[in-house]
């Protein structure tokens, strides 16, 4: 399975964040399934025209989020614990809904606020 990523050099979003978001989305939608090996840092950096440190930072952040794991010589692979990301978001949404209700914010306004935050 190949990883498909695109970098928008004109975007205000830093390249590492563009790569992180795209990989996280592909993992969460199942496009990249558990066990999929991601390209080595240097290879992916070269193919995207980015510094190796940029991709290394991306992989570290994905690992911190539990979406990937690094297996030394085995490379970086999509983690089975990556499924926790939806649970984390659901828990955050439940906390947000409680805070909104406690502050008298109607559901439609609370959803609008979330939409604005998601950009």
PDB file of N, CA and C in Angstrom:
ATOM      1  N   UNK A   1       0.846  -1.176   0.000  1.00  0.00           N
ATOM      2  CA  UNK A   1       0.000   0.000   0.000  1.00  0.00           C
ATOM      3  C   UNK A   1       0.893   1.241   0.000  1.00  0.00           C
ATOM      4  N   UNK A   2       0.624   2.166  -0.889  1.00  0.00           N
ATOM      5  CA  UNK A   2       1.444   3.368  -0.959  1.00  0.00           C
ATOM      6  C   UNK A   2       0.765   4.522  -0.240  1.00  0.00           C
ATOM      7  N   UNK A   3       1.581   5.379   0.295  1.00  0.00           N
ATOM      8  CA  UNK A   3       1.117   6.569   0.993  1.00  0.00           C
ATOM      9  C   UNK A   3       1.068   7.703  -0.015  1.00  0.00           C
ATOM     10  N   UNK A   4      -0.090   8.352  -0.108  1.00  0.00           N
ATOM     11  CA  UNK A   4      -0.230   9.474  -1.031  1.00  0.00           C
ATOM     12  C   UNK A   4      -0.361  10.763  -0.227  1.00  0.00           C
ATOM     13  N   UNK A   5       0.598  11.665  -0.409  1.00  0.00           N
ATOM     14  CA  UNK A   5       0.608  12.932   0.306  1.00  0.00           C
ATOM     15  C   UNK A   5       0.901  14.062  -0.665  1.00  0.00           C
ATOM     16  N   UNK A   6       0.330  15.222  -0.377  1.00  0.00           N
ATOM     17  CA  UNK A   6       0.605  16.411  -1.176  1.00  0.00           C
ATOM     18  C   UNK A   6       0.919  17.571  -0.246  1.00  0.00           C
ATOM     19  N   UNK A   7       1.920  18.340  -0.618  1.00  0.00           N
ATOM     20  CA  UNK A   7       2.303  19.517   0.152  1.00  0.00           C
ATOM     21  C   UNK A   7       1.922  20.750  -0.642  1.00  0.00           C
ATOM     22  N   UNK A   8       1.206  21.654   0.020  1.00  0.00           N
ATOM     23  CA  UNK A   8       0.828  22.933  -0.593  1.00  0.00           C
ATOM     24  C   UNK A   8       1.835  23.972  -0.111  1.00  0.00           C
ATOM     25  N   UNK A   9       2.794  24.298  -0.952  1.00  0.00           N
ATOM     26  CA  UNK A   9       3.856  25.226  -0.544  1.00  0.00           C
ATOM     27  C   UNK A   9       3.324  26.635  -0.290  1.00  0.00           C
ATOM     28  N   UNK A  10       2.152  26.959  -0.799  1.00  0.00           N
ATOM     29  CA  UNK A  10       1.568  28.274  -0.577  1.00  0.00           C
ATOM     30  C   UNK A  10       0.701  28.355   0.664  1.00  0.00           C
ATOM     31  N   UNK A  11       0.539  27.231   1.357  1.00  0.00           N
ATOM     32  CA  UNK A  11      -0.317  27.190   2.539  1.00  0.00           C
ATOM     33  C   UNK A  11       0.362  27.816   3.748  1.00  0.00           C
ATOM     34  N   UNK A  12      -0.452  28.403   4.610  1.00  0.00           N
ATOM     35  CA  UNK A  12       0.064  28.948   5.870  1.00  0.00           C
ATOM     36  C   UNK A  12       0.322  27.826   6.874  1.00  0.00           C
ATOM     37  N   UNK A  13      -0.203  26.627   6.593  1.00  0.00           N
ATOM     38  CA  UNK A  13      -0.006  25.473   7.473  1.00  0.00           C
ATOM     39  C   UNK A  13       1.394  24.918   7.226  1.00  0.00           C
ATOM     40  N   UNK A  14       2.194  24.769   8.283  1.00  0.00           N
ATOM     41  CA  UNK A  14       3.560  24.261   8.110  1.00  0.00           C
ATOM     42  C   UNK A  14       3.560  22.878   7.457  1.00  0.00           C
ATOM     43  N   UNK A  15       4.596  22.565   6.680  1.00  0.00           N
ATOM     44  CA  UNK A  15       4.656  21.272   5.991  1.00  0.00           C
ATOM     45  C   UNK A  15       4.506  20.061   6.908  1.00  0.00           C
ATOM     46  N   UNK A  16       5.153  20.084   8.093  1.00  0.00           N
ATOM     47  CA  UNK A  16       5.043  18.925   8.980  1.00  0.00           C
ATOM     48  C   UNK A  16       3.592  18.705   9.389  1.00  0.00           C
ATOM     49  N   UNK A  17       2.847  19.796   9.581  1.00  0.00           N
ATOM     50  CA  UNK A  17       1.443  19.686   9.984  1.00  0.00           C
ATOM     51  C   UNK A  17       0.585  19.201   8.817  1.00  0.00           C
ATOM     52  N   UNK A  18       0.910  19.623   7.604  1.00  0.00           N
ATOM     53  CA  UNK A  18       0.188  19.118   6.438  1.00  0.00           C
ATOM     54  C   UNK A  18       0.356  17.606   6.324  1.00  0.00           C
ATOM     55  N   UNK A  19       1.585  17.139   6.503  1.00  0.00           N
ATOM     56  CA  UNK A  19       1.863  15.704   6.407  1.00  0.00           C
ATOM     57  C   UNK A  19       1.176  14.971   7.556  1.00  0.00           C
ATOM     58  N   UNK A  20       1.277  15.511   8.767  1.00  0.00           N
ATOM     59  CA  UNK A  20       0.662  14.876   9.944  1.00  0.00           C
ATOM     60  C   UNK A  20      -0.845  14.737   9.751  1.00  0.00           C
ATOM     61  N   UNK A  21      -1.486  15.804   9.319  1.00  0.00           N
ATOM     62  CA  UNK A  21      -2.942  15.772   9.123  1.00  0.00           C
ATOM     63  C   UNK A  21      -3.346  14.746   8.066  1.00  0.00           C
ATOM     64  N   UNK A  22      -2.614  14.723   6.966  1.00  0.00           N
ATOM     65  CA  UNK A  22      -2.957  13.794   5.887  1.00  0.00           C
ATOM     66  C   UNK A  22      -2.770  12.342   6.325  1.00  0.00           C
ATOM     67  N   UNK A  23      -1.674  12.068   7.014  1.00  0.00           N
ATOM     68  CA  UNK A  23      -1.458  10.703   7.481  1.00  0.00           C
ATOM     69  C   UNK A  23      -2.496  10.314   8.533  1.00  0.00           C
ATOM     70  N   UNK A  24      -2.787  11.212   9.471  1.00  0.00           N
ATOM     71  CA  UNK A  24      -3.785  10.923  10.504  1.00  0.00           C
ATOM     72  C   UNK A  24      -5.148  10.642   9.867  1.00  0.00           C
ATOM     73  N   UNK A  25      -5.512  11.438   8.875  1.00  0.00           N
ATOM     74  CA  UNK A  25      -6.788  11.224   8.198  1.00  0.00           C
ATOM     75  C   UNK A  25      -6.808   9.868   7.492  1.00  0.00           C
ATOM     76  N   UNK A  26      -5.729   9.539   6.814  1.00  0.00           N
ATOM     77  CA  UNK A  26      -5.675   8.258   6.094  1.00  0.00           C
ATOM     78  C   UNK A  26      -5.713   7.079   7.065  1.00  0.00           C
ATOM     79  N   UNK A  27      -5.129   7.242   8.237  1.00  0.00           N
ATOM     80  CA  UNK A  27      -5.170   6.185   9.246  1.00  0.00           C
ATOM     81  C   UNK A  27      -6.584   6.071   9.811  1.00  0.00           C
ATOM     82  N   UNK A  28      -7.185   7.213  10.149  1.00  0.00           N
ATOM     83  CA  UNK A  28      -8.513   7.199  10.764  1.00  0.00           C
ATOM     84  C   UNK A  28      -9.615   6.749   9.819  1.00  0.00           C
ATOM     85  N   UNK A  29      -9.446   6.953   8.528  1.00  0.00           N
ATOM     86  CA  UNK A  29     -10.463   6.510   7.576  1.00  0.00           C
ATOM     87  C   UNK A  29     -10.231   5.076   7.113  1.00  0.00           C
ATOM     88  N   UNK A  30      -9.099   4.495   7.507  1.00  0.00           N
ATOM     89  CA  UNK A  30      -8.806   3.125   7.110  1.00  0.00           C
ATOM     90  C   UNK A  30      -8.109   3.010   5.771  1.00  0.00           C
ATOM     91  N   UNK A  31      -7.795   4.152   5.152  1.00  0.00           N
ATOM     92  CA  UNK A  31      -7.037   4.112   3.906  1.00  0.00           C
ATOM     93  C   UNK A  31      -5.683   3.468   4.158  1.00  0.00           C
ATOM     94  N   UNK A  32      -5.076   3.813   5.287  1.00  0.00           N
ATOM     95  CA  UNK A  32      -3.857   3.146   5.746  1.00  0.00           C
ATOM     96  C   UNK A  32      -4.271   2.231   6.895  1.00  0.00           C
ATOM     97  N   UNK A  33      -4.226   0.937   6.662  1.00  0.00           N
ATOM     98  CA  UNK A  33      -4.701  -0.027   7.655  1.00  0.00           C
ATOM     99  C   UNK A  33      -3.618  -0.374   8.664  1.00  0.00           C
ATOM    100  N   UNK A  34      -4.056  -0.936   9.768  1.00  0.00           N
ATOM    101  CA  UNK A  34      -3.138  -1.365  10.820  1.00  0.00           C
ATOM    102  C   UNK A  34      -2.063  -2.259  10.216  1.00  0.00           C
ATOM    103  N   UNK A  35      -0.822  -1.964  10.578  1.00  0.00           N
ATOM    104  CA  UNK A  35       0.313  -2.741  10.090  1.00  0.00           C
ATOM    105  C   UNK A  35       0.968  -2.178   8.842  1.00  0.00           C
ATOM    106  N   UNK A  36       0.315  -1.206   8.205  1.00  0.00           N
ATOM    107  CA  UNK A  36       0.911  -0.596   7.013  1.00  0.00           C
ATOM    108  C   UNK A  36       2.220   0.069   7.401  1.00  0.00           C
ATOM    109  N   UNK A  37       3.264  -0.239   6.669  1.00  0.00           N
ATOM    110  CA  UNK A  37       4.576   0.355   6.933  1.00  0.00           C
ATOM    111  C   UNK A  37       4.667   1.687   6.201  1.00  0.00           C
ATOM    112  N   UNK A  38       4.981   2.744   6.943  1.00  0.00           N
ATOM    113  CA  UNK A  38       5.170   4.060   6.344  1.00  0.00           C
ATOM    114  C   UNK A  38       6.561   4.123   5.719  1.00  0.00           C
ATOM    115  N   UNK A  39       6.732   4.986   4.729  1.00  0.00           N
ATOM    116  CA  UNK A  39       8.055   5.114   4.108  1.00  0.00           C
ATOM    117  C   UNK A  39       9.096   5.565   5.132  1.00  0.00           C
ATOM    118  N   UNK A  40      10.348   5.142   4.949  1.00  0.00           N
ATOM    119  CA  UNK A  40      11.404   5.643   5.831  1.00  0.00           C
ATOM    120  C   UNK A  40      11.457   7.175   5.782  1.00  0.00           C
ATOM    121  N   UNK A  41      11.873   7.767   6.869  1.00  0.00           N
ATOM    122  CA  UNK A  41      11.906   9.224   7.006  1.00  0.00           C
ATOM    123  C   UNK A  41      12.619   9.886   5.827  1.00  0.00           C
ATOM    124  N   UNK A  42      13.816   9.447   5.527  1.00  0.00           N
ATOM    125  CA  UNK A  42      14.588  10.086   4.451  1.00  0.00           C
ATOM    126  C   UNK A  42      13.924   9.913   3.090  1.00  0.00           C
ATOM    127  N   UNK A  43      13.354   8.750   2.841  1.00  0.00           N
ATOM    128  CA  UNK A  43      12.703   8.496   1.548  1.00  0.00           C
ATOM    129  C   UNK A  43      11.480   9.393   1.377  1.00  0.00           C
ATOM    130  N   UNK A  44      10.653   9.499   2.426  1.00  0.00           N
ATOM    131  CA  UNK A  44       9.456  10.338   2.330  1.00  0.00           C
ATOM    132  C   UNK A  44       9.845  11.799   2.214  1.00  0.00           C
ATOM    133  N   UNK A  45      10.829  12.216   2.990  1.00  0.00           N
ATOM    134  CA  UNK A  45      11.291  13.606   2.912  1.00  0.00           C
ATOM    135  C   UNK A  45      11.765  13.921   1.503  1.00  0.00           C
ATOM    136  N   UNK A  46      12.550  13.035   0.921  1.00  0.00           N
ATOM    137  CA  UNK A  46      13.059  13.257  -0.433  1.00  0.00           C
ATOM    138  C   UNK A  46      11.951  13.332  -1.458  1.00  0.00           C
ATOM    139  N   UNK A  47      10.954  12.454  -1.345  1.00  0.00           N
ATOM    140  CA  UNK A  47       9.873  12.454  -2.332  1.00  0.00           C
ATOM    141  C   UNK A  47       8.987  13.688  -2.226  1.00  0.00           C
ATOM    142  N   UNK A  48       8.921  14.284  -1.026  1.00  0.00           N
ATOM    143  CA  UNK A  48       8.100  15.481  -0.829  1.00  0.00           C
ATOM    144  C   UNK A  48       8.899  16.777  -0.931  1.00  0.00           C
ATOM    145  N   UNK A  49      10.214  16.655  -1.049  1.00  0.00           N
ATOM    146  CA  UNK A  49      11.054  17.845  -1.106  1.00  0.00           C
ATOM    147  C   UNK A  49      11.157  18.554   0.227  1.00  0.00           C
ATOM    148  N   UNK A  50      11.122  17.772   1.315  1.00  0.00           N
ATOM    149  CA  UNK A  50      11.192  18.336   2.662  1.00  0.00           C
ATOM    150  C   UNK A  50      12.439  17.837   3.374  1.00  0.00           C
ATOM    151  N   UNK A  51      12.780  18.482   4.471  1.00  0.00           N
ATOM    152  CA  UNK A  51      13.912  18.042   5.288  1.00  0.00           C
ATOM    153  C   UNK A  51      13.533  16.781   6.053  1.00  0.00           C
ATOM    154  N   UNK A  52      14.500  15.922   6.277  1.00  0.00           N
ATOM    155  CA  UNK A  52      14.252  14.686   7.026  1.00  0.00           C
ATOM    156  C   UNK A  52      13.725  14.992   8.423  1.00  0.00           C
ATOM    157  N   UNK A  53      14.214  16.073   9.036  1.00  0.00           N
ATOM    158  CA  UNK A  53      13.742  16.451  10.379  1.00  0.00           C
ATOM    159  C   UNK A  53      12.250  16.769  10.386  1.00  0.00           C
ATOM    160  N   UNK A  54      11.743  17.285   9.279  1.00  0.00           N
ATOM    161  CA  UNK A  54      10.316  17.609   9.176  1.00  0.00           C
ATOM    162  C   UNK A  54       9.490  16.330   9.264  1.00  0.00           C
ATOM    163  N   UNK A  55       9.896  15.311   8.533  1.00  0.00           N
ATOM    164  CA  UNK A  55       9.170  14.043   8.550  1.00  0.00           C
ATOM    165  C   UNK A  55       9.375  13.334   9.885  1.00  0.00           C
ATOM    166  N   UNK A  56      10.569  13.410  10.439  1.00  0.00           N
ATOM    167  CA  UNK A  56      10.831  12.797  11.745  1.00  0.00           C
ATOM    168  C   UNK A  56       9.907  13.406  12.799  1.00  0.00           C
ATOM    169  N   UNK A  57       9.725  14.713  12.755  1.00  0.00           N
ATOM    170  CA  UNK A  57       8.822  15.383  13.708  1.00  0.00           C
ATOM    171  C   UNK A  57       7.391  14.901  13.506  1.00  0.00           C
ATOM    172  N   UNK A  58       6.985  14.773  12.258  1.00  0.00           N
ATOM    173  CA  UNK A  58       5.641  14.283  11.945  1.00  0.00           C
ATOM    174  C   UNK A  58       5.431  12.892  12.530  1.00  0.00           C
ATOM    175  N   UNK A  59       6.379  11.998  12.300  1.00  0.00           N
ATOM    176  CA  UNK A  59       6.267  10.633  12.802  1.00  0.00           C
ATOM    177  C   UNK A  59       6.227  10.620  14.331  1.00  0.00           C
ATOM    178  N   UNK A  60       7.046  11.464  14.977  1.00  0.00           N
ATOM    179  CA  UNK A  60       7.038  11.533  16.451  1.00  0.00           C
ATOM    180  C   UNK A  60       5.667  11.958  16.965  1.00  0.00           C
ATOM    181  N   UNK A  61       5.064  12.952  16.322  1.00  0.00           N
ATOM    182  CA  UNK A  61       3.758  13.429  16.765  1.00  0.00           C
ATOM    183  C   UNK A  61       2.672  12.377  16.538  1.00  0.00           C
ATOM    184  N   UNK A  62       2.756  11.665  15.414  1.00  0.00           N
ATOM    185  CA  UNK A  62       1.795  10.591  15.159  1.00  0.00           C
ATOM    186  C   UNK A  62       1.975   9.459  16.178  1.00  0.00           C
ATOM    187  N   UNK A  63       3.219   9.221  16.560  1.00  0.00           N
ATOM    188  CA  UNK A  63       3.479   8.187  17.558  1.00  0.00           C
ATOM    189  C   UNK A  63       2.945   8.618  18.925  1.00  0.00           C
ATOM    190  N   UNK A  64       3.133   9.879  19.273  1.00  0.00           N
ATOM    191  CA  UNK A  64       2.607  10.400  20.544  1.00  0.00           C
ATOM    192  C   UNK A  64       1.087  10.286  20.599  1.00  0.00           C
ATOM    193  N   UNK A  65       0.449  10.432  19.457  1.00  0.00           N
ATOM    194  CA  UNK A  65      -1.016  10.336  19.382  1.00  0.00           C
ATOM    195  C   UNK A  65      -1.484   8.880  19.348  1.00  0.00           C
ATOM    196  N   UNK A  66      -0.535   7.939  19.253  1.00  0.00           N
ATOM    197  CA  UNK A  66      -0.893   6.529  19.234  1.00  0.00           C
ATOM    198  C   UNK A  66      -1.319   6.012  17.870  1.00  0.00           C
ATOM    199  N   UNK A  67      -1.095   6.806  16.820  1.00  0.00           N
ATOM    200  CA  UNK A  67      -1.514   6.395  15.484  1.00  0.00           C
ATOM    201  C   UNK A  67      -0.499   5.494  14.795  1.00  0.00           C
ATOM    202  N   UNK A  68       0.769   5.647  15.141  1.00  0.00           N
ATOM    203  CA  UNK A  68       1.821   4.807  14.563  1.00  0.00           C
ATOM    204  C   UNK A  68       2.753   4.355  15.676  1.00  0.00           C
ATOM    205  N   UNK A  69       3.549   3.355  15.361  1.00  0.00           N
ATOM    206  CA  UNK A  69       4.597   2.929  16.289  1.00  0.00           C
ATOM    207  C   UNK A  69       5.857   2.664  15.493  1.00  0.00           C
ATOM    208  N   UNK A  70       6.975   2.960  16.112  1.00  0.00           N
ATOM    209  CA  UNK A  70       8.265   2.741  15.459  1.00  0.00           C
ATOM    210  C   UNK A  70       8.845   1.449  16.003  1.00  0.00           C
ATOM    211  N   UNK A  71       9.252   0.591  15.081  1.00  0.00           N
ATOM    212  CA  UNK A  71       9.769  -0.728  15.447  1.00  0.00           C
ATOM    213  C   UNK A  71      11.242  -0.866  15.074  1.00  0.00           C
ATOM    214  N   UNK A  72      12.012   0.161  15.348  1.00  0.00           N
ATOM    215  CA  UNK A  72      13.442   0.104  15.060  1.00  0.00           C
ATOM    216  C   UNK A  72      13.699  -0.185  13.593  1.00  0.00           C
ATOM    217  N   UNK A  73      14.396  -1.288  13.320  1.00  0.00           N
ATOM    218  CA  UNK A  73      14.711  -1.654  11.936  1.00  0.00           C
ATOM    219  C   UNK A  73      13.454  -2.021  11.144  1.00  0.00           C
ATOM    220  N   UNK A  74      12.364  -2.304  11.852  1.00  0.00           N
ATOM    221  CA  UNK A  74      11.109  -2.659  11.194  1.00  0.00           C
ATOM    222  C   UNK A  74      10.357  -1.449  10.666  1.00  0.00           C
ATOM    223  N   UNK A  75      10.862  -0.256  10.977  1.00  0.00           N
ATOM    224  CA  UNK A  75      10.256   0.963  10.470  1.00  0.00           C
ATOM    225  C   UNK A  75       9.079   1.450  11.292  1.00  0.00           C
ATOM    226  N   UNK A  76       8.382   2.393  10.721  1.00  0.00           N
ATOM    227  CA  UNK A  76       7.219   2.998  11.367  1.00  0.00           C
ATOM    228  C   UNK A  76       5.967   2.415  10.715  1.00  0.00           C
ATOM    229  N   UNK A  77       5.074   1.884  11.544  1.00  0.00           N
ATOM    230  CA  UNK A  77       3.871   1.236  11.031  1.00  0.00           C
ATOM    231  C   UNK A  77       2.629   1.806  11.697  1.00  0.00           C
ATOM    232  N   UNK A  78       1.504   1.693  10.992  1.00  0.00           N
ATOM    233  CA  UNK A  78       0.223   2.116  11.545  1.00  0.00           C
ATOM    234  C   UNK A  78      -0.097   1.215  12.728  1.00  0.00           C
ATOM    235  N   UNK A  79      -0.402   1.814  13.843  1.00  0.00           N
ATOM    236  CA  UNK A  79      -0.614   1.102  15.092  1.00  0.00           C
ATOM    237  C   UNK A  79      -2.059   0.645  15.257  1.00  0.00           C
ATOM    238  N   UNK A  80      -2.237  -0.486  15.910  1.00  0.00           N
ATOM    239  CA  UNK A  80      -3.590  -0.947  16.208  1.00  0.00           C
ATOM    240  C   UNK A  80      -4.231  -0.065  17.276  1.00  0.00           C
ATOM    241  N   UNK A  81      -3.414   0.626  18.056  1.00  0.00           N
ATOM    242  CA  UNK A  81      -3.966   1.520  19.076  1.00  0.00           C
ATOM    243  C   UNK A  81      -4.423   2.842  18.467  1.00  0.00           C
ATOM    244  N   UNK A  82      -4.201   3.031  17.178  1.00  0.00           N
ATOM    245  CA  UNK A  82      -4.647   4.252  16.510  1.00  0.00           C
ATOM    246  C   UNK A  82      -6.151   4.440  16.550  1.00  0.00           C
ATOM    247  N   UNK A  83      -6.888   3.341  16.761  1.00  0.00           N
ATOM    248  CA  UNK A  83      -8.332   3.427  16.842  1.00  0.00           C
ATOM    249  C   UNK A  83      -8.784   4.260  18.034  1.00  0.00           C
ATOM    250  N   UNK A  84      -7.887   4.528  18.961  1.00  0.00           N
ATOM    251  CA  UNK A  84      -8.239   5.320  20.137  1.00  0.00           C
ATOM    252  C   UNK A  84      -8.506   6.779  19.804  1.00  0.00           C
ATOM    253  N   UNK A  85      -8.070   7.235  18.651  1.00  0.00           N
ATOM    254  CA  UNK A  85      -8.227   8.658  18.342  1.00  0.00           C
ATOM    255  C   UNK A  85      -9.690   9.077  18.320  1.00  0.00           C
ATOM    256  N   UNK A  86     -10.554   8.242  17.771  1.00  0.00           N
ATOM    257  CA  UNK A  86     -11.988   8.568  17.764  1.00  0.00           C
ATOM    258  C   UNK A  86     -12.540   8.629  19.187  1.00  0.00           C
ATOM    259  N   UNK A  87     -12.093   7.724  20.034  1.00  0.00           N
ATOM    260  CA  UNK A  87     -12.551   7.720  21.424  1.00  0.00           C
ATOM    261  C   UNK A  87     -12.105   8.990  22.138  1.00  0.00           C
ATOM    262  N   UNK A  88     -10.885   9.442  21.858  1.00  0.00           N
ATOM    263  CA  UNK A  88     -10.383  10.678  22.460  1.00  0.00           C
ATOM    264  C   UNK A  88     -11.222  11.873  22.021  1.00  0.00           C
ATOM    265  N   UNK A  89     -11.543  11.917  20.735  1.00  0.00           N
ATOM    266  CA  UNK A  89     -12.330  13.035  20.214  1.00  0.00           C
ATOM    267  C   UNK A  89     -13.742  12.997  20.800  1.00  0.00           C
ATOM    268  N   UNK A  90     -14.316  11.803  20.895  1.00  0.00           N
ATOM    269  CA  UNK A  90     -15.657  11.680  21.472  1.00  0.00           C
ATOM    270  C   UNK A  90     -15.658  12.172  22.920  1.00  0.00           C
ATOM    271  N   UNK A  91     -14.652  11.786  23.697  1.00  0.00           N
ATOM    272  CA  UNK A  91     -14.566  12.217  25.093  1.00  0.00           C
ATOM    273  C   UNK A  91     -14.426  13.736  25.181  1.00  0.00           C
ATOM    274  N   UNK A  92     -13.615  14.314  24.296  1.00  0.00           N
ATOM    275  CA  UNK A  92     -13.463  15.775  24.286  1.00  0.00           C
ATOM    276  C   UNK A  92     -14.783  16.443  23.906  1.00  0.00           C
ATOM    277  N   UNK A  93     -15.496  15.849  22.958  1.00  0.00           N
ATOM    278  CA  UNK A  93     -16.787  16.406  22.541  1.00  0.00           C
ATOM    279  C   UNK A  93     -17.788  16.361  23.694  1.00  0.00           C
ATOM    280  N   UNK A  94     -17.774  15.286  24.450  1.00  0.00           N
ATOM    281  CA  UNK A  94     -18.682  15.174  25.598  1.00  0.00           C
ATOM    282  C   UNK A  94     -18.363  16.221  26.659  1.00  0.00           C
ATOM    283  N   UNK A  95     -17.064  16.457  26.893  1.00  0.00           N
ATOM    284  CA  UNK A  95     -16.669  17.509  27.852  1.00  0.00           C
ATOM    285  C   UNK A  95     -17.108  18.876  27.338  1.00  0.00           C
ATOM    286  N   UNK A  96     -16.916  19.113  26.031  1.00  0.00           N
ATOM    287  CA  UNK A  96     -17.309  20.387  25.433  1.00  0.00           C
ATOM    288  C   UNK A  96     -18.819  20.592  25.550  1.00  0.00           C
ATOM    289  N   UNK A  97     -19.590  19.556  25.249  1.00  0.00           N
ATOM    290  CA  UNK A  97     -21.045  19.659  25.331  1.00  0.00           C
ATOM    291  C   UNK A  97     -21.484  20.013  26.750  1.00  0.00           C
ATOM    292  N   UNK A  98     -20.822  19.424  27.732  1.00  0.00           N
ATOM    293  CA  UNK A  98     -21.149  19.714  29.133  1.00  0.00           C
ATOM    294  C   UNK A  98     -20.832  21.172  29.468  1.00  0.00           C
ATOM    295  N   UNK A  99     -19.661  21.642  29.053  1.00  0.00           N
ATOM    296  CA  UNK A  99     -19.271  23.032  29.311  1.00  0.00           C
ATOM    297  C   UNK A  99     -20.234  23.998  28.616  1.00  0.00           C
ATOM    298  N   UNK A 100     -20.601  23.694  27.376  1.00  0.00           N
ATOM    299  CA  UNK A 100     -21.536  24.545  26.636  1.00  0.00           C
ATOM    300  C   UNK A 100     -22.873  24.619  27.371  1.00  0.00           C
ATOM    301  N   UNK A 101     -23.392  23.472  27.789  1.00  0.00           N
ATOM    302  CA  UNK A 101     -24.677  23.445  28.499  1.00  0.00           C
ATOM    303  C   UNK A 101     -24.602  24.199  29.819  1.00  0.00           C
ATOM    304  N   UNK A 102     -23.503  23.997  30.552  1.00  0.00           N
ATOM    305  CA  UNK A 102     -23.330  24.687  31.840  1.00  0.00           C
ATOM    306  C   UNK A 102     -23.282  26.202  31.674  1.00  0.00           C
ATOM    307  N   UNK A 103     -22.864  26.656  30.502  1.00  0.00           N
ATOM    308  CA  UNK A 103     -22.755  28.087  30.247  1.00  0.00           C
ATOM    309  C   UNK A 103     -23.923  28.637  29.437  1.00  0.00           C
ATOM    310  N   UNK A 104     -24.957  27.836  29.272  1.00  0.00           N
ATOM    311  CA  UNK A 104     -26.166  28.296  28.600  1.00  0.00           C
ATOM    312  C   UNK A 104     -26.027  28.483  27.097  1.00  0.00           C
ATOM    313  N   UNK A 105     -25.077  27.795  26.484  1.00  0.00           N
ATOM    314  CA  UNK A 105     -24.883  27.896  25.034  1.00  0.00           C
ATOM    315  C   UNK A 105     -25.783  26.855  24.366  1.00  0.00           C
ATOM    316  N   UNK A 106     -26.646  27.313  23.466  1.00  0.00           N
ATOM    317  CA  UNK A 106     -27.549  26.409  22.760  1.00  0.00           C
ATOM    318  C   UNK A 106     -26.758  25.484  21.833  1.00  0.00           C
ATOM    319  N   UNK A 107     -27.336  24.324  21.542  1.00  0.00           N
ATOM    320  CA  UNK A 107     -26.658  23.320  20.720  1.00  0.00           C
ATOM    321  C   UNK A 107     -26.256  23.866  19.359  1.00  0.00           C
ATOM    322  N   UNK A 108     -27.144  24.617  18.707  1.00  0.00           N
ATOM    323  CA  UNK A 108     -26.804  25.131  17.373  1.00  0.00           C
ATOM    324  C   UNK A 108     -25.629  26.104  17.430  1.00  0.00           C
ATOM    325  N   UNK A 109     -25.576  26.924  18.477  1.00  0.00           N
ATOM    326  CA  UNK A 109     -24.450  27.843  18.622  1.00  0.00           C
ATOM    327  C   UNK A 109     -23.170  27.083  18.963  1.00  0.00           C
ATOM    328  N   UNK A 110     -23.269  26.079  19.813  1.00  0.00           N
ATOM    329  CA  UNK A 110     -22.106  25.269  20.185  1.00  0.00           C
ATOM    330  C   UNK A 110     -21.530  24.574  18.936  1.00  0.00           C
ATOM    331  N   UNK A 111     -22.409  24.078  18.079  1.00  0.00           N
ATOM    332  CA  UNK A 111     -21.947  23.442  16.838  1.00  0.00           C
ATOM    333  C   UNK A 111     -21.286  24.453  15.911  1.00  0.00           C
ATOM    334  N   UNK A 112     -21.823  25.651  15.863  1.00  0.00           N
ATOM    335  CA  UNK A 112     -21.228  26.713  15.048  1.00  0.00           C
ATOM    336  C   UNK A 112     -19.818  27.046  15.540  1.00  0.00           C
ATOM    337  N   UNK A 113     -19.672  27.102  16.858  1.00  0.00           N
ATOM    338  CA  UNK A 113     -18.359  27.387  17.458  1.00  0.00           C
ATOM    339  C   UNK A 113     -17.359  26.296  17.074  1.00  0.00           C
ATOM    340  N   UNK A 114     -17.791  25.036  17.134  1.00  0.00           N
ATOM    341  CA  UNK A 114     -16.910  23.929  16.747  1.00  0.00           C
ATOM    342  C   UNK A 114     -16.559  24.026  15.277  1.00  0.00           C
ATOM    343  N   UNK A 115     -17.555  24.323  14.452  1.00  0.00           N
ATOM    344  CA  UNK A 115     -17.300  24.478  12.999  1.00  0.00           C
ATOM    345  C   UNK A 115     -16.271  25.548  12.729  1.00  0.00           C
ATOM    346  N   UNK A 116     -16.387  26.676  13.443  1.00  0.00           N
ATOM    347  CA  UNK A 116     -15.415  27.758  13.270  1.00  0.00           C
ATOM    348  C   UNK A 116     -14.021  27.312  13.724  1.00  0.00           C
ATOM    349  N   UNK A 117     -13.963  26.555  14.808  1.00  0.00           N
ATOM    350  CA  UNK A 117     -12.675  26.102  15.325  1.00  0.00           C
ATOM    351  C   UNK A 117     -12.007  25.114  14.365  1.00  0.00           C
ATOM    352  N   UNK A 118     -12.817  24.310  13.701  1.00  0.00           N
ATOM    353  CA  UNK A 118     -12.271  23.348  12.744  1.00  0.00           C
ATOM    354  C   UNK A 118     -11.833  24.013  11.453  1.00  0.00           C
ATOM    355  N   UNK A 119     -12.337  25.217  11.252  1.00  0.00           N
ATOM    356  CA  UNK A 119     -11.912  26.017  10.103  1.00  0.00           C
ATOM    357  C   UNK A 119     -12.452  25.534   8.829  1.00  0.00           C
TER     358      UNK A 119
END
